[in-house]
C-alpha atoms as a PDB file:
ATOM      1  CA  MET A   1      93.782  71.361  62.022  1.00  0.00           C
ATOM      2  CA  PRO A   2      91.936  68.343  62.414  1.00  0.00           C
ATOM      3  CA  GLY A   3      93.267  66.874  66.513  1.00  0.00           C
ATOM      4  CA  PHE A   4      95.267  70.283  67.133  1.00  0.00           C
ATOM      5  CA  ARG A   5      95.171  70.958  70.678  1.00  0.00           C
ATOM      6  CA  ALA A   6      96.699  74.222  71.680  1.00  0.00           C
ATOM      7  CA  ARG A   7      99.082  73.651  74.971  1.00  0.00           C
ATOM      8  CA  PRO A   8      98.280  74.552  78.014  1.00  0.00           C
ATOM      9  CA  LYS A   9     100.283  77.403  79.337  1.00  0.00           C
ATOM     10  CA  PRO A  10     102.141  76.644  82.163  1.00  0.00           C
ATOM     11  CA  ALA A  11     101.204  78.124  85.318  1.00  0.00           C
ATOM     12  CA  LEU A  12     103.201  80.643  87.296  1.00  0.00           C
ATOM     13  CA  GLY A  13     101.529  80.261  90.546  1.00  0.00           C
ATOM     14  CA  ASN A  14      98.434  80.788  92.203  1.00  0.00           C
ATOM     15  CA  ARG A  15      97.116  83.123  89.967  1.00  0.00           C
ATOM     16  CA  GLU A  16      93.859  84.247  92.132  1.00  0.00           C
ATOM     17  CA  ASN A  17      96.066  85.394  94.784  1.00  0.00           C
ATOM     18  CA  ARG A  18      98.214  88.019  92.701  1.00  0.00           C
ATOM     19  CA  VAL A  19      97.233  91.842  92.551  1.00  0.00           C
ATOM     20  CA  ARG A  20      96.117  92.670  89.027  1.00  0.00           C
ATOM     21  CA  PRO A  21      97.636  96.070  88.509  1.00  0.00           C
ATOM     22  CA  ARG A  22      95.457  98.849  88.253  1.00  0.00           C
ATOM     23  CA  PRO A  23      96.270 101.610  86.811  1.00  0.00           C
ATOM     24  CA  GLN A  24      95.314 105.169  88.440  1.00  0.00           C
ATOM     25  CA  GLU A  25      94.359 108.272  86.614  1.00  0.00           C
ATOM     26  CA  VAL A  26      96.707 111.567  86.943  1.00  0.00           C
ATOM     27  CA  LEU A  27      95.173 113.913  84.310  1.00  0.00           C
ATOM     28  CA  ASN A  28      92.080 114.092  82.376  1.00  0.00           C
ATOM     29  CA  LEU A  29      91.525 116.693  80.220  1.00  0.00           C
ATOM     30  CA  SER A  30      88.654 116.867  77.534  1.00  0.00           C
ATOM     31  CA  HIS A  31      91.337 115.361  74.853  1.00  0.00           C
ATOM     32  CA  LEU A  32      93.923 113.840  76.904  1.00  0.00           C
ATOM     33  CA  ARG A  33      93.476 111.261  79.556  1.00  0.00           C
ATOM     34  CA  VAL A  34      96.625 110.323  81.479  1.00  0.00           C
ATOM     35  CA  TRP A  35      97.431 106.839  83.425  1.00  0.00           C
ATOM     36  CA  ALA A  36      99.767 105.637  85.604  1.00  0.00           C
ATOM     37  CA  PRO A  37     100.973 102.438  87.366  1.00  0.00           C
ATOM     38  CA  SER A  38     100.424 102.817  91.457  1.00  0.00           C
ATOM     39  CA  ALA A  39     103.477 102.901  93.690  1.00  0.00           C
ATOM     40  CA  GLU A  40     103.218  99.455  95.179  1.00  0.00           C
ATOM     41  CA  TYR A  41     103.331  97.864  91.174  1.00  0.00           C
ATOM     42  CA  MET A  42     106.010 100.275  90.336  1.00  0.00           C
ATOM     43  CA  LEU A  43     107.992  99.215  93.180  1.00  0.00           C
ATOM     44  CA  ALA A  44     107.649  95.901  92.715  1.00  0.00           C
ATOM     45  CA  MET A  45     108.661  96.403  88.884  1.00  0.00           C
ATOM     46  CA  LYS A  46     111.545  98.088  89.631  1.00  0.00           C
ATOM     47  CA  CYS A  47     112.852  95.323  92.414  1.00  0.00           C
ATOM     48  CA  VAL A  48     112.160  92.638  90.196  1.00  0.00           C
ATOM     49  CA  SER A  49     114.202  94.309  87.487  1.00  0.00           C
ATOM     50  CA  ALA A  50     116.723  94.991  90.097  1.00  0.00           C
ATOM     51  CA  ARG A  51     119.210  96.470  87.514  1.00  0.00           C
ATOM     52  CA  PHE A  52     122.406  98.027  89.452  1.00  0.00           C
ATOM     53  CA  ASP A  53     123.479  99.786  86.455  1.00  0.00           C
ATOM     54  CA  SER A  54     120.662 102.113  86.239  1.00  0.00           C
ATOM     55  CA  HIS A  55     118.454 104.008  88.805  1.00  0.00           C
ATOM     56  CA  ASP A  56     116.444 101.136  90.160  1.00  0.00           C
ATOM     57  CA  ALA A  57     117.861 101.162  93.817  1.00  0.00           C
ATOM     58  CA  ASP A  58     117.187 105.517  94.246  1.00  0.00           C
ATOM     59  CA  ASP A  59     113.803 104.734  92.745  1.00  0.00           C
ATOM     60  CA  VAL A  60     113.228 101.952  95.353  1.00  0.00           C
ATOM     61  CA  ALA A  61     114.447 103.957  97.739  1.00  0.00           C
ATOM     62  CA  PHE A  62     112.005 106.746  96.953  1.00  0.00           C
ATOM     63  CA  LEU A  63     109.224 104.188  96.380  1.00  0.00           C
ATOM     64  CA  LEU A  64     110.113 102.931  99.629  1.00  0.00           C
ATOM     65  CA  ARG A  65     109.897 106.457 101.533  1.00  0.00           C
ATOM     66  CA  HIS A  66     106.225 107.395  99.735  1.00  0.00           C
ATOM     67  CA  LEU A  67     105.066 104.218 100.705  1.00  0.00           C
ATOM     68  CA  GLY A  68     106.024 104.364 104.432  1.00  0.00           C
ATOM     69  CA  ILE A  69     107.659 101.294 104.140  1.00  0.00           C
ATOM     70  CA  THR A  70     110.599 100.732 106.692  1.00  0.00           C
ATOM     71  CA  ARG A  71     111.485  96.912 107.036  1.00  0.00           C
ATOM     72  CA  PRO A  72     112.195  94.645 104.197  1.00  0.00           C
ATOM     73  CA  ASP A  73     109.548  91.983 105.080  1.00  0.00           C
ATOM     74  CA  ASP A  74     107.015  94.733 104.187  1.00  0.00           C
ATOM     75  CA  ALA A  75     108.131  95.472 100.953  1.00  0.00           C
ATOM     76  CA  PHE A  76     109.169  92.117  99.808  1.00  0.00           C
ATOM     77  CA  ARG A  77     105.217  91.007 100.780  1.00  0.00           C
ATOM     78  CA  ILE A  78     104.022  94.049  98.066  1.00  0.00           C
ATOM     79  CA  VAL A  79     106.504  92.177  95.699  1.00  0.00           C
ATOM     80  CA  GLU A  80     105.403  88.903  96.140  1.00  0.00           C
ATOM     81  CA  ALA A  81     101.815  90.249  95.573  1.00  0.00           C
ATOM     82  CA  TYR A  82     102.363  91.077  92.323  1.00  0.00           C
ATOM     83  CA  TYR A  83     105.127  88.343  91.215  1.00  0.00           C
ATOM     84  CA  PRO A  84     104.808  84.731  92.103  1.00  0.00           C
ATOM     85  CA  HIS A  85     107.705  83.866  94.516  1.00  0.00           C
ATOM     86  CA  ARG A  86     109.477  81.600  91.737  1.00  0.00           C
ATOM     87  CA  ALA A  87     109.800  84.791  89.319  1.00  0.00           C
ATOM     88  CA  ILE A  88     111.123  86.763  92.216  1.00  0.00           C
ATOM     89  CA  PRO A  89     115.130  86.334  91.733  1.00  0.00           C
ATOM     90  CA  PRO A  90     117.233  86.564  94.735  1.00  0.00           C
ATOM     91  CA  LYS A  91     118.881  90.024  93.244  1.00  0.00           C
ATOM     92  CA  SER A  92     115.573  91.423  94.647  1.00  0.00           C
ATOM     93  CA  ARG A  93     115.748  90.385  98.376  1.00  0.00           C
ATOM     94  CA  PHE A  94     118.967  91.331  97.893  1.00  0.00           C
ATOM     95  CA  LEU A  95     118.171  95.222  97.108  1.00  0.00           C
ATOM     96  CA  ILE A  96     115.637  95.662  99.393  1.00  0.00           C
ATOM     97  CA  GLU A  97     117.620  94.631 102.124  1.00  0.00           C
ATOM     98  CA  GLU A  98     120.401  96.882 100.921  1.00  0.00           C
ATOM     99  CA  VAL A  99     118.264 100.275 100.434  1.00  0.00           C
ATOM    100  CA  LEU A 100     116.604  99.951 103.637  1.00  0.00           C
ATOM    101  CA  GLY A 101     119.863  98.918 105.408  1.00  0.00           C
ATOM    102  CA  GLY A 102     119.153  95.550 106.980  1.00  0.00           C
ATOM    103  CA  GLU A 103     117.188  92.191 107.393  1.00  0.00           C
ATOM    104  CA  GLY A 104     113.666  91.081 108.471  1.00  0.00           C
END
């Protein structure tokens, strides 16, 4: 169409500071390759979804132990590395603090 211009997509934050999720190879056979997200990315996704009617809290607890994270602020830094602050619902911080048992 003449004169038609696509509208730019709204920015979701500073994308240059976001970590790009890179899958890790789990299995490589002659006929099959299996990839999986990193533990950090899985933690970020589970925290952002924070579904209390699922196993997300158990999964977050497992991932925090696996990564050796004991402080909520350290866990939240990982989440913020993958998602812009405004895309992270408050329930994410509540979940992290509940699983780790405190603030800070």
